[in-house]
Amino acid sequence: MTEEQTLFEFPCQFSIKAMGKSRPDFDLIVVSIVRQHVDDLKESAVKTRPSKKGKFTAVTVTIEATSKKQLDAIYQGLTDCPEVMMVL
Protein backbone atom coordinates (compact mmCIF):
# COMPACT_ATOMS: atom_id res chain seq x y z
CA MET A 1 0.00 0.00 0.00
CA THR A 2 1.48 3.34 -0.99
CA GLU A 3 1.32 6.48 1.12
CA GLU A 4 -1.76 7.78 -0.74
CA GLN A 5 -3.66 4.48 -0.56
CA THR A 6 -6.19 3.92 2.17
CA LEU A 7 -8.84 1.39 3.18
CA PHE A 8 -11.53 4.08 2.86
CA GLU A 9 -13.48 4.76 -0.29
CA PHE A 10 -13.98 8.48 -0.78
CA PRO A 11 -16.21 10.32 -0.43
CA CYS A 12 -17.43 8.86 2.86
CA GLN A 13 -18.89 9.87 6.19
CA PHE A 14 -16.11 10.19 8.75
CA SER A 15 -16.26 11.14 12.44
CA ILE A 16 -13.39 13.00 14.08
CA LYS A 17 -13.26 13.32 17.87
CA ALA A 18 -11.16 15.93 19.67
CA MET A 19 -10.80 16.14 23.44
CA GLY A 20 -9.52 18.90 25.65
CA LYS A 21 -10.01 20.71 28.94
CA SER A 22 -13.47 22.19 29.25
CA ARG A 23 -13.73 25.83 28.29
CA PRO A 24 -16.63 27.80 26.82
CA ASP A 25 -15.13 28.01 23.32
CA PHE A 26 -13.55 24.56 22.95
CA ASP A 27 -16.14 23.37 20.43
CA LEU A 28 -15.67 26.58 18.41
CA ILE A 29 -11.91 26.01 18.31
CA VAL A 30 -12.35 22.46 17.01
CA VAL A 31 -15.00 23.46 14.46
CA SER A 32 -12.90 26.35 13.15
CA ILE A 33 -9.98 23.98 12.48
CA VAL A 34 -12.20 21.46 10.71
CA ARG A 35 -13.87 24.21 8.65
CA GLN A 36 -10.48 25.16 7.19
CA HIS A 37 -10.63 21.84 5.33
CA VAL A 38 -14.37 21.21 4.86
CA ASP A 39 -16.49 23.47 2.67
CA ASP A 40 -19.98 22.69 3.94
CA LEU A 41 -20.06 21.85 7.65
CA LYS A 42 -23.53 21.88 9.16
CA GLU A 43 -24.28 22.57 12.82
CA SER A 44 -25.93 19.14 13.08
CA ALA A 45 -22.54 17.57 12.28
CA VAL A 46 -21.11 18.68 15.64
CA LYS A 47 -21.75 16.87 18.92
CA THR A 48 -20.29 18.04 22.23
CA ARG A 49 -20.12 15.95 25.38
CA PRO A 50 -18.61 16.90 28.75
CA SER A 51 -16.79 14.32 30.86
CA LYS A 52 -18.51 12.89 33.93
CA LYS A 53 -17.00 15.50 36.26
CA GLY A 54 -17.05 18.27 33.63
CA LYS A 55 -13.29 18.79 33.56
CA PHE A 56 -12.93 17.72 29.91
CA THR A 57 -14.99 18.07 26.74
CA ALA A 58 -15.18 15.80 23.71
CA VAL A 59 -16.25 17.27 20.38
CA THR A 60 -17.20 14.90 17.58
CA VAL A 61 -17.48 16.31 14.07
CA THR A 62 -18.89 14.13 11.29
CA ILE A 63 -17.85 15.21 7.82
CA GLU A 64 -18.14 14.05 4.23
CA ALA A 65 -14.47 13.18 3.77
CA THR A 66 -13.18 13.59 0.23
CA SER A 67 -9.60 12.31 0.49
CA LYS A 68 -6.87 10.97 2.74
CA LYS A 69 -5.03 14.25 2.23
CA GLN A 70 -8.03 16.16 3.64
CA LEU A 71 -8.23 13.89 6.71
CA ASP A 72 -4.48 14.15 7.30
CA ALA A 73 -4.70 17.96 7.18
CA ILE A 74 -7.59 18.03 9.68
CA TYR A 75 -5.80 15.69 12.08
CA GLN A 76 -2.59 17.72 11.78
CA GLY A 77 -4.44 20.99 12.47
CA LEU A 78 -6.14 19.53 15.54
CA THR A 79 -2.92 17.93 16.81
CA ASP A 80 -1.06 21.23 16.44
CA CYS A 81 -3.69 23.12 18.47
CA PRO A 82 -2.53 23.58 22.09
CA GLU A 83 -6.11 23.37 23.43
CA VAL A 84 -6.63 19.90 21.93
CA MET A 85 -5.25 17.14 24.14
CA MET A 86 -6.23 14.11 22.04
CA VAL A 87 -7.65 13.38 18.59
CA LEU A 88 -9.34 10.14 17.57
PDB file of N, CA and C in Angstrom:
ATOM      1  N   MET A   1       0.848  -1.175   0.000  1.00  0.00           N
ATOM      2  CA  MET A   1       0.000   0.000   0.000  1.00  0.00           C
ATOM      3  C   MET A   1       0.896   1.241   0.000  1.00  0.00           C
ATOM      4  N   THR A   2       0.682   2.119  -0.936  1.00  0.00           N
ATOM      5  CA  THR A   2       1.478   3.343  -0.986  1.00  0.00           C
ATOM      6  C   THR A   2       0.955   4.346   0.022  1.00  0.00           C
ATOM      7  N   GLU A   3       1.677   5.446   0.153  1.00  0.00           N
ATOM      8  CA  GLU A   3       1.321   6.483   1.121  1.00  0.00           C
ATOM      9  C   GLU A   3      -0.073   7.067   0.861  1.00  0.00           C
ATOM     10  N   GLU A   4      -0.468   7.184  -0.406  1.00  0.00           N
ATOM     11  CA  GLU A   4      -1.764   7.777  -0.736  1.00  0.00           C
ATOM     12  C   GLU A   4      -2.912   6.773  -0.695  1.00  0.00           C
ATOM     13  N   GLN A   5      -2.613   5.477  -0.608  1.00  0.00           N
ATOM     14  CA  GLN A   5      -3.661   4.480  -0.560  1.00  0.00           C
ATOM     15  C   GLN A   5      -4.251   4.413   0.842  1.00  0.00           C
ATOM     16  N   THR A   6      -5.511   4.021   0.902  1.00  0.00           N
ATOM     17  CA  THR A   6      -6.189   3.918   2.174  1.00  0.00           C
ATOM     18  C   THR A   6      -7.272   2.853   2.070  1.00  0.00           C
ATOM     19  N   LEU A   7      -7.771   2.376   3.173  1.00  0.00           N
ATOM     20  CA  LEU A   7      -8.841   1.390   3.176  1.00  0.00           C
ATOM     21  C   LEU A   7     -10.208   2.032   2.966  1.00  0.00           C
ATOM     22  N   PHE A   8     -10.271   3.357   3.047  1.00  0.00           N
ATOM     23  CA  PHE A   8     -11.528   4.079   2.865  1.00  0.00           C
ATOM     24  C   PHE A   8     -11.792   4.325   1.391  1.00  0.00           C
ATOM     25  N   GLU A   9     -13.073   4.349   1.044  1.00  0.00           N
ATOM     26  CA  GLU A   9     -13.484   4.759  -0.293  1.00  0.00           C
ATOM     27  C   GLU A   9     -14.083   6.152  -0.162  1.00  0.00           C
ATOM     28  N   PHE A  10     -13.519   7.089  -0.873  1.00  0.00           N
ATOM     29  CA  PHE A  10     -13.978   8.478  -0.784  1.00  0.00           C
ATOM     30  C   PHE A  10     -14.916   8.793  -1.932  1.00  0.00           C
ATOM     31  N   PRO A  11     -15.889   9.665  -1.701  1.00  0.00           N
ATOM     32  CA  PRO A  11     -16.215  10.323  -0.435  1.00  0.00           C
ATOM     33  C   PRO A  11     -16.907   9.359   0.526  1.00  0.00           C
ATOM     34  N   CYS A  12     -16.792   9.671   1.826  1.00  0.00           N
ATOM     35  CA  CYS A  12     -17.429   8.860   2.861  1.00  0.00           C
ATOM     36  C   CYS A  12     -17.690   9.705   4.108  1.00  0.00           C
ATOM     37  N   GLN A  13     -18.633   9.238   4.912  1.00  0.00           N
ATOM     38  CA  GLN A  13     -18.894   9.875   6.195  1.00  0.00           C
ATOM     39  C   GLN A  13     -17.772   9.478   7.141  1.00  0.00           C
ATOM     40  N   PHE A  14     -17.228  10.464   7.864  1.00  0.00           N
ATOM     41  CA  PHE A  14     -16.107  10.191   8.752  1.00  0.00           C
ATOM     42  C   PHE A  14     -16.253  11.043  10.002  1.00  0.00           C
ATOM     43  N   SER A  15     -16.152  10.416  11.166  1.00  0.00           N
ATOM     44  CA  SER A  15     -16.260  11.143  12.436  1.00  0.00           C
ATOM     45  C   SER A  15     -14.879  11.368  13.027  1.00  0.00           C
ATOM     46  N   ILE A  16     -14.653  12.597  13.461  1.00  0.00           N
ATOM     47  CA  ILE A  16     -13.394  12.998  14.084  1.00  0.00           C
ATOM     48  C   ILE A  16     -13.722  13.459  15.493  1.00  0.00           C
ATOM     49  N   LYS A  17     -13.014  12.937  16.485  1.00  0.00           N
ATOM     50  CA  LYS A  17     -13.258  13.323  17.873  1.00  0.00           C
ATOM     51  C   LYS A  17     -12.015  14.012  18.428  1.00  0.00           C
ATOM     52  N   ALA A  18     -12.230  15.182  19.016  1.00  0.00           N
ATOM     53  CA  ALA A  18     -11.155  15.928  19.667  1.00  0.00           C
ATOM     54  C   ALA A  18     -11.535  16.135  21.128  1.00  0.00           C
ATOM     55  N   MET A  19     -10.555  15.966  22.013  1.00  0.00           N
ATOM     56  CA  MET A  19     -10.802  16.143  23.435  1.00  0.00           C
ATOM     57  C   MET A  19      -9.833  17.157  24.024  1.00  0.00           C
ATOM     58  N   GLY A  20     -10.341  17.907  24.988  1.00  0.00           N
ATOM     59  CA  GLY A  20      -9.515  18.897  25.653  1.00  0.00           C
ATOM     60  C   GLY A  20     -10.148  19.320  26.959  1.00  0.00           C
ATOM     61  N   LYS A  21      -9.454  20.175  27.699  1.00  0.00           N
ATOM     62  CA  LYS A  21     -10.009  20.707  28.943  1.00  0.00           C
ATOM     63  C   LYS A  21     -11.230  21.556  28.614  1.00  0.00           C
ATOM     64  N   SER A  22     -12.236  21.451  29.476  1.00  0.00           N
ATOM     65  CA  SER A  22     -13.471  22.189  29.249  1.00  0.00           C
ATOM     66  C   SER A  22     -13.235  23.692  29.324  1.00  0.00           C
ATOM     67  N   ARG A  23     -13.737  24.383  28.333  1.00  0.00           N
ATOM     68  CA  ARG A  23     -13.725  25.833  28.289  1.00  0.00           C
ATOM     69  C   ARG A  23     -14.875  26.235  27.375  1.00  0.00           C
ATOM     70  N   PRO A  24     -15.432  27.417  27.563  1.00  0.00           N
ATOM     71  CA  PRO A  24     -16.631  27.799  26.818  1.00  0.00           C
ATOM     72  C   PRO A  24     -16.492  27.748  25.296  1.00  0.00           C
ATOM     73  N   ASP A  25     -15.301  27.946  24.771  1.00  0.00           N
ATOM     74  CA  ASP A  25     -15.135  28.012  23.318  1.00  0.00           C
ATOM     75  C   ASP A  25     -14.419  26.798  22.719  1.00  0.00           C
ATOM     76  N   PHE A  26     -14.291  25.698  23.468  1.00  0.00           N
ATOM     77  CA  PHE A  26     -13.548  24.559  22.947  1.00  0.00           C
ATOM     78  C   PHE A  26     -14.176  24.016  21.662  1.00  0.00           C
ATOM     79  N   ASP A  27     -15.495  23.886  21.639  1.00  0.00           N
ATOM     80  CA  ASP A  27     -16.143  23.373  20.435  1.00  0.00           C
ATOM     81  C   ASP A  27     -15.924  24.304  19.243  1.00  0.00           C
ATOM     82  N   LEU A  28     -15.916  25.608  19.494  1.00  0.00           N
ATOM     83  CA  LEU A  28     -15.673  26.576  18.409  1.00  0.00           C
ATOM     84  C   LEU A  28     -14.252  26.453  17.863  1.00  0.00           C
ATOM     85  N   ILE A  29     -13.300  26.198  18.733  1.00  0.00           N
ATOM     86  CA  ILE A  29     -11.909  26.010  18.306  1.00  0.00           C
ATOM     87  C   ILE A  29     -11.803  24.801  17.381  1.00  0.00           C
ATOM     88  N   VAL A  30     -12.396  23.691  17.806  1.00  0.00           N
ATOM     89  CA  VAL A  30     -12.346  22.461  17.013  1.00  0.00           C
ATOM     90  C   VAL A  30     -13.039  22.669  15.667  1.00  0.00           C
ATOM     91  N   VAL A  31     -14.232  23.241  15.697  1.00  0.00           N
ATOM     92  CA  VAL A  31     -14.996  23.459  14.461  1.00  0.00           C
ATOM     93  C   VAL A  31     -14.254  24.388  13.507  1.00  0.00           C
ATOM     94  N   SER A  32     -13.610  25.420  14.038  1.00  0.00           N
ATOM     95  CA  SER A  32     -12.899  26.351  13.151  1.00  0.00           C
ATOM     96  C   SER A  32     -11.729  25.660  12.444  1.00  0.00           C
ATOM     97  N   ILE A  33     -11.073  24.731  13.115  1.00  0.00           N
ATOM     98  CA  ILE A  33      -9.978  23.982  12.484  1.00  0.00           C
ATOM     99  C   ILE A  33     -10.534  23.066  11.395  1.00  0.00           C
ATOM    100  N   VAL A  34     -11.606  22.360  11.697  1.00  0.00           N
ATOM    101  CA  VAL A  34     -12.203  21.456  10.712  1.00  0.00           C
ATOM    102  C   VAL A  34     -12.713  22.252   9.508  1.00  0.00           C
ATOM    103  N   ARG A  35     -13.319  23.397   9.751  1.00  0.00           N
ATOM    104  CA  ARG A  35     -13.869  24.214   8.651  1.00  0.00           C
ATOM    105  C   ARG A  35     -12.797  24.711   7.677  1.00  0.00           C
ATOM    106  N   GLN A  36     -11.558  24.768   8.102  1.00  0.00           N
ATOM    107  CA  GLN A  36     -10.479  25.161   7.192  1.00  0.00           C
ATOM    108  C   GLN A  36     -10.313  24.143   6.072  1.00  0.00           C
ATOM    109  N   HIS A  37     -10.830  22.928   6.280  1.00  0.00           N
ATOM    110  CA  HIS A  37     -10.629  21.838   5.328  1.00  0.00           C
ATOM    111  C   HIS A  37     -11.921  21.244   4.778  1.00  0.00           C
ATOM    112  N   VAL A  38     -13.063  21.730   5.287  1.00  0.00           N
ATOM    113  CA  VAL A  38     -14.366  21.211   4.863  1.00  0.00           C
ATOM    114  C   VAL A  38     -15.226  22.397   4.442  1.00  0.00           C
ATOM    115  N   ASP A  39     -15.725  22.345   3.211  1.00  0.00           N
ATOM    116  CA  ASP A  39     -16.492  23.472   2.671  1.00  0.00           C
ATOM    117  C   ASP A  39     -17.862  23.649   3.313  1.00  0.00           C
ATOM    118  N   ASP A  40     -18.597  22.579   3.488  1.00  0.00           N
ATOM    119  CA  ASP A  40     -19.979  22.688   3.940  1.00  0.00           C
ATOM    120  C   ASP A  40     -20.182  21.890   5.222  1.00  0.00           C
ATOM    121  N   LEU A  41     -19.903  22.516   6.357  1.00  0.00           N
ATOM    122  CA  LEU A  41     -20.057  21.851   7.646  1.00  0.00           C
ATOM    123  C   LEU A  41     -21.315  22.383   8.328  1.00  0.00           C
ATOM    124  N   LYS A  42     -22.266  21.490   8.542  1.00  0.00           N
ATOM    125  CA  LYS A  42     -23.529  21.880   9.159  1.00  0.00           C
ATOM    126  C   LYS A  42     -23.445  21.788  10.678  1.00  0.00           C
ATOM    127  N   GLU A  43     -24.261  22.591  11.357  1.00  0.00           N
ATOM    128  CA  GLU A  43     -24.279  22.566  12.823  1.00  0.00           C
ATOM    129  C   GLU A  43     -24.637  21.180  13.351  1.00  0.00           C
ATOM    130  N   SER A  44     -25.507  20.472  12.634  1.00  0.00           N
ATOM    131  CA  SER A  44     -25.931  19.140  13.083  1.00  0.00           C
ATOM    132  C   SER A  44     -24.793  18.120  13.025  1.00  0.00           C
ATOM    133  N   ALA A  45     -23.683  18.472  12.393  1.00  0.00           N
ATOM    134  CA  ALA A  45     -22.538  17.572  12.275  1.00  0.00           C
ATOM    135  C   ALA A  45     -21.661  17.599  13.523  1.00  0.00           C
ATOM    136  N   VAL A  46     -21.963  18.495  14.456  1.00  0.00           N
ATOM    137  CA  VAL A  46     -21.108  18.683  15.639  1.00  0.00           C
ATOM    138  C   VAL A  46     -21.851  18.234  16.895  1.00  0.00           C
ATOM    139  N   LYS A  47     -21.206  17.346  17.639  1.00  0.00           N
ATOM    140  CA  LYS A  47     -21.753  16.872  18.920  1.00  0.00           C
ATOM    141  C   LYS A  47     -20.723  17.149  20.002  1.00  0.00           C
ATOM    142  N   THR A  48     -21.183  17.720  21.115  1.00  0.00           N
ATOM    143  CA  THR A  48     -20.295  18.039  22.229  1.00  0.00           C
ATOM    144  C   THR A  48     -20.755  17.280  23.463  1.00  0.00           C
ATOM    145  N   ARG A  49     -19.784  16.696  24.173  1.00  0.00           N
ATOM    146  CA  ARG A  49     -20.121  15.950  25.385  1.00  0.00           C
ATOM    147  C   ARG A  49     -19.094  16.224  26.464  1.00  0.00           C
ATOM    148  N   PRO A  50     -19.541  16.700  27.641  1.00  0.00           N
ATOM    149  CA  PRO A  50     -18.607  16.901  28.750  1.00  0.00           C
ATOM    150  C   PRO A  50     -18.290  15.569  29.427  1.00  0.00           C
ATOM    151  N   SER A  51     -17.134  15.520  30.092  1.00  0.00           N
ATOM    152  CA  SER A  51     -16.787  14.324  30.861  1.00  0.00           C
ATOM    153  C   SER A  51     -17.693  14.242  32.079  1.00  0.00           C
ATOM    154  N   LYS A  52     -17.632  13.129  32.772  1.00  0.00           N
ATOM    155  CA  LYS A  52     -18.509  12.891  33.927  1.00  0.00           C
ATOM    156  C   LYS A  52     -18.403  13.998  34.977  1.00  0.00           C
ATOM    157  N   LYS A  53     -17.192  14.448  35.254  1.00  0.00           N
ATOM    158  CA  LYS A  53     -16.998  15.502  36.255  1.00  0.00           C
ATOM    159  C   LYS A  53     -16.923  16.901  35.636  1.00  0.00           C
ATOM    160  N   GLY A  54     -17.026  16.975  34.301  1.00  0.00           N
ATOM    161  CA  GLY A  54     -17.048  18.266  33.627  1.00  0.00           C
ATOM    162  C   GLY A  54     -15.692  18.911  33.405  1.00  0.00           C
ATOM    163  N   LYS A  55     -14.622  18.206  33.708  1.00  0.00           N
ATOM    164  CA  LYS A  55     -13.289  18.790  33.563  1.00  0.00           C
ATOM    165  C   LYS A  55     -12.832  18.812  32.095  1.00  0.00           C
ATOM    166  N   PHE A  56     -13.327  17.840  31.307  1.00  0.00           N
ATOM    167  CA  PHE A  56     -12.933  17.724  29.908  1.00  0.00           C
ATOM    168  C   PHE A  56     -14.159  17.748  29.008  1.00  0.00           C
ATOM    169  N   THR A  57     -13.930  18.060  27.741  1.00  0.00           N
ATOM    170  CA  THR A  57     -14.992  18.075  26.744  1.00  0.00           C
ATOM    171  C   THR A  57     -14.527  17.304  25.520  1.00  0.00           C
ATOM    172  N   ALA A  58     -15.444  16.514  24.966  1.00  0.00           N
ATOM    173  CA  ALA A  58     -15.184  15.796  23.713  1.00  0.00           C
ATOM    174  C   ALA A  58     -16.083  16.400  22.643  1.00  0.00           C
ATOM    175  N   VAL A  59     -15.501  16.729  21.510  1.00  0.00           N
ATOM    176  CA  VAL A  59     -16.254  17.269  20.384  1.00  0.00           C
ATOM    177  C   VAL A  59     -16.090  16.298  19.221  1.00  0.00           C
ATOM    178  N   THR A  60     -17.217  15.789  18.720  1.00  0.00           N
ATOM    179  CA  THR A  60     -17.205  14.896  17.576  1.00  0.00           C
ATOM    180  C   THR A  60     -17.796  15.635  16.385  1.00  0.00           C
ATOM    181  N   VAL A  61     -17.045  15.648  15.292  1.00  0.00           N
ATOM    182  CA  VAL A  61     -17.482  16.307  14.069  1.00  0.00           C
ATOM    183  C   VAL A  61     -17.549  15.247  12.974  1.00  0.00           C
ATOM    184  N   THR A  62     -18.720  15.091  12.375  1.00  0.00           N
ATOM    185  CA  THR A  62     -18.893  14.132  11.290  1.00  0.00           C
ATOM    186  C   THR A  62     -18.908  14.895   9.977  1.00  0.00           C
ATOM    187  N   ILE A  63     -17.994  14.502   9.088  1.00  0.00           N
ATOM    188  CA  ILE A  63     -17.846  15.212   7.816  1.00  0.00           C
ATOM    189  C   ILE A  63     -18.026  14.249   6.643  1.00  0.00           C
ATOM    190  N   GLU A  64     -18.193  14.808   5.477  1.00  0.00           N
ATOM    191  CA  GLU A  64     -18.138  14.055   4.225  1.00  0.00           C
ATOM    192  C   GLU A  64     -16.688  14.159   3.763  1.00  0.00           C
ATOM    193  N   ALA A  65     -15.892  13.163   4.098  1.00  0.00           N
ATOM    194  CA  ALA A  65     -14.465  13.182   3.767  1.00  0.00           C
ATOM    195  C   ALA A  65     -14.283  12.925   2.273  1.00  0.00           C
ATOM    196  N   THR A  66     -13.395  13.704   1.665  1.00  0.00           N
ATOM    197  CA  THR A  66     -13.182  13.592   0.227  1.00  0.00           C
ATOM    198  C   THR A  66     -11.849  12.949  -0.136  1.00  0.00           C
ATOM    199  N   SER A  67     -10.899  12.902   0.801  1.00  0.00           N
ATOM    200  CA  SER A  67      -9.596  12.308   0.493  1.00  0.00           C
ATOM    201  C   SER A  67      -8.796  12.060   1.769  1.00  0.00           C
ATOM    202  N   LYS A  68      -7.791  11.210   1.635  1.00  0.00           N
ATOM    203  CA  LYS A  68      -6.868  10.965   2.741  1.00  0.00           C
ATOM    204  C   LYS A  68      -6.105  12.245   3.067  1.00  0.00           C
ATOM    205  N   LYS A  69      -5.750  12.997   2.041  1.00  0.00           N
ATOM    206  CA  LYS A  69      -5.026  14.251   2.230  1.00  0.00           C
ATOM    207  C   LYS A  69      -5.841  15.222   3.097  1.00  0.00           C
ATOM    208  N   GLN A  70      -7.151  15.300   2.847  1.00  0.00           N
ATOM    209  CA  GLN A  70      -8.026  16.164   3.642  1.00  0.00           C
ATOM    210  C   GLN A  70      -8.037  15.707   5.105  1.00  0.00           C
ATOM    211  N   LEU A  71      -8.202  14.403   5.335  1.00  0.00           N
ATOM    212  CA  LEU A  71      -8.228  13.892   6.713  1.00  0.00           C
ATOM    213  C   LEU A  71      -6.900  14.134   7.414  1.00  0.00           C
ATOM    214  N   ASP A  72      -5.804  13.904   6.712  1.00  0.00           N
ATOM    215  CA  ASP A  72      -4.482  14.154   7.297  1.00  0.00           C
ATOM    216  C   ASP A  72      -4.325  15.614   7.705  1.00  0.00           C
ATOM    217  N   ALA A  73      -4.813  16.535   6.880  1.00  0.00           N
ATOM    218  CA  ALA A  73      -4.703  17.965   7.181  1.00  0.00           C
ATOM    219  C   ALA A  73      -5.540  18.335   8.405  1.00  0.00           C
ATOM    220  N   ILE A  74      -6.732  17.761   8.512  1.00  0.00           N
ATOM    221  CA  ILE A  74      -7.590  18.034   9.677  1.00  0.00           C
ATOM    222  C   ILE A  74      -6.917  17.512  10.951  1.00  0.00           C
ATOM    223  N   TYR A  75      -6.456  16.273  10.909  1.00  0.00           N
ATOM    224  CA  TYR A  75      -5.798  15.693  12.082  1.00  0.00           C
ATOM    225  C   TYR A  75      -4.547  16.481  12.465  1.00  0.00           C
ATOM    226  N   GLN A  76      -3.794  16.928  11.488  1.00  0.00           N
ATOM    227  CA  GLN A  76      -2.589  17.715  11.779  1.00  0.00           C
ATOM    228  C   GLN A  76      -2.964  19.042  12.432  1.00  0.00           C
ATOM    229  N   GLY A  77      -3.989  19.715  11.893  1.00  0.00           N
ATOM    230  CA  GLY A  77      -4.441  20.986  12.469  1.00  0.00           C
ATOM    231  C   GLY A  77      -4.907  20.832  13.907  1.00  0.00           C
ATOM    232  N   LEU A  78      -5.659  19.767  14.175  1.00  0.00           N
ATOM    233  CA  LEU A  78      -6.138  19.528  15.538  1.00  0.00           C
ATOM    234  C   LEU A  78      -4.990  19.152  16.469  1.00  0.00           C
ATOM    235  N   THR A  79      -4.072  18.339  15.999  1.00  0.00           N
ATOM    236  CA  THR A  79      -2.922  17.930  16.809  1.00  0.00           C
ATOM    237  C   THR A  79      -2.032  19.121  17.142  1.00  0.00           C
ATOM    238  N   ASP A  80      -1.894  20.052  16.219  1.00  0.00           N
ATOM    239  CA  ASP A  80      -1.056  21.232  16.441  1.00  0.00           C
ATOM    240  C   ASP A  80      -1.682  22.248  17.391  1.00  0.00           C
ATOM    241  N   CYS A  81      -2.979  22.154  17.616  1.00  0.00           N
ATOM    242  CA  CYS A  81      -3.687  23.116  18.468  1.00  0.00           C
ATOM    243  C   CYS A  81      -3.397  22.829  19.944  1.00  0.00           C
ATOM    244  N   PRO A  82      -2.879  23.814  20.685  1.00  0.00           N
ATOM    245  CA  PRO A  82      -2.529  23.578  22.094  1.00  0.00           C
ATOM    246  C   PRO A  82      -3.724  23.240  22.993  1.00  0.00           C
ATOM    247  N   GLU A  83      -4.929  23.658  22.613  1.00  0.00           N
ATOM    248  CA  GLU A  83      -6.114  23.375  23.430  1.00  0.00           C
ATOM    249  C   GLU A  83      -6.593  21.938  23.269  1.00  0.00           C
ATOM    250  N   VAL A  84      -6.206  21.282  22.193  1.00  0.00           N
ATOM    251  CA  VAL A  84      -6.634  19.903  21.929  1.00  0.00           C
ATOM    252  C   VAL A  84      -5.614  18.945  22.552  1.00  0.00           C
ATOM    253  N   MET A  85      -6.119  18.084  23.440  1.00  0.00           N
ATOM    254  CA  MET A  85      -5.252  17.143  24.136  1.00  0.00           C
ATOM    255  C   MET A  85      -5.144  15.806  23.414  1.00  0.00           C
ATOM    256  N   MET A  86      -6.222  15.400  22.699  1.00  0.00           N
ATOM    257  CA  MET A  86      -6.234  14.106  22.040  1.00  0.00           C
ATOM    258  C   MET A  86      -7.179  14.169  20.847  1.00  0.00           C
ATOM    259  N   VAL A  87      -6.806  13.462  19.782  1.00  0.00           N
ATOM    260  CA  VAL A  87      -7.647  13.383  18.593  1.00  0.00           C
ATOM    261  C   VAL A  87      -7.807  11.924  18.224  1.00  0.00           C
ATOM    262  N   LEU A  88      -9.041  11.523  17.975  1.00  0.00           N
ATOM    263  CA  LEU A  88      -9.339  10.138  17.567  1.00  0.00           C
ATOM    264  C   LEU A  88     -10.056  10.152  16.241  1.00  0.00           C
TER     265      LEU A  88
END
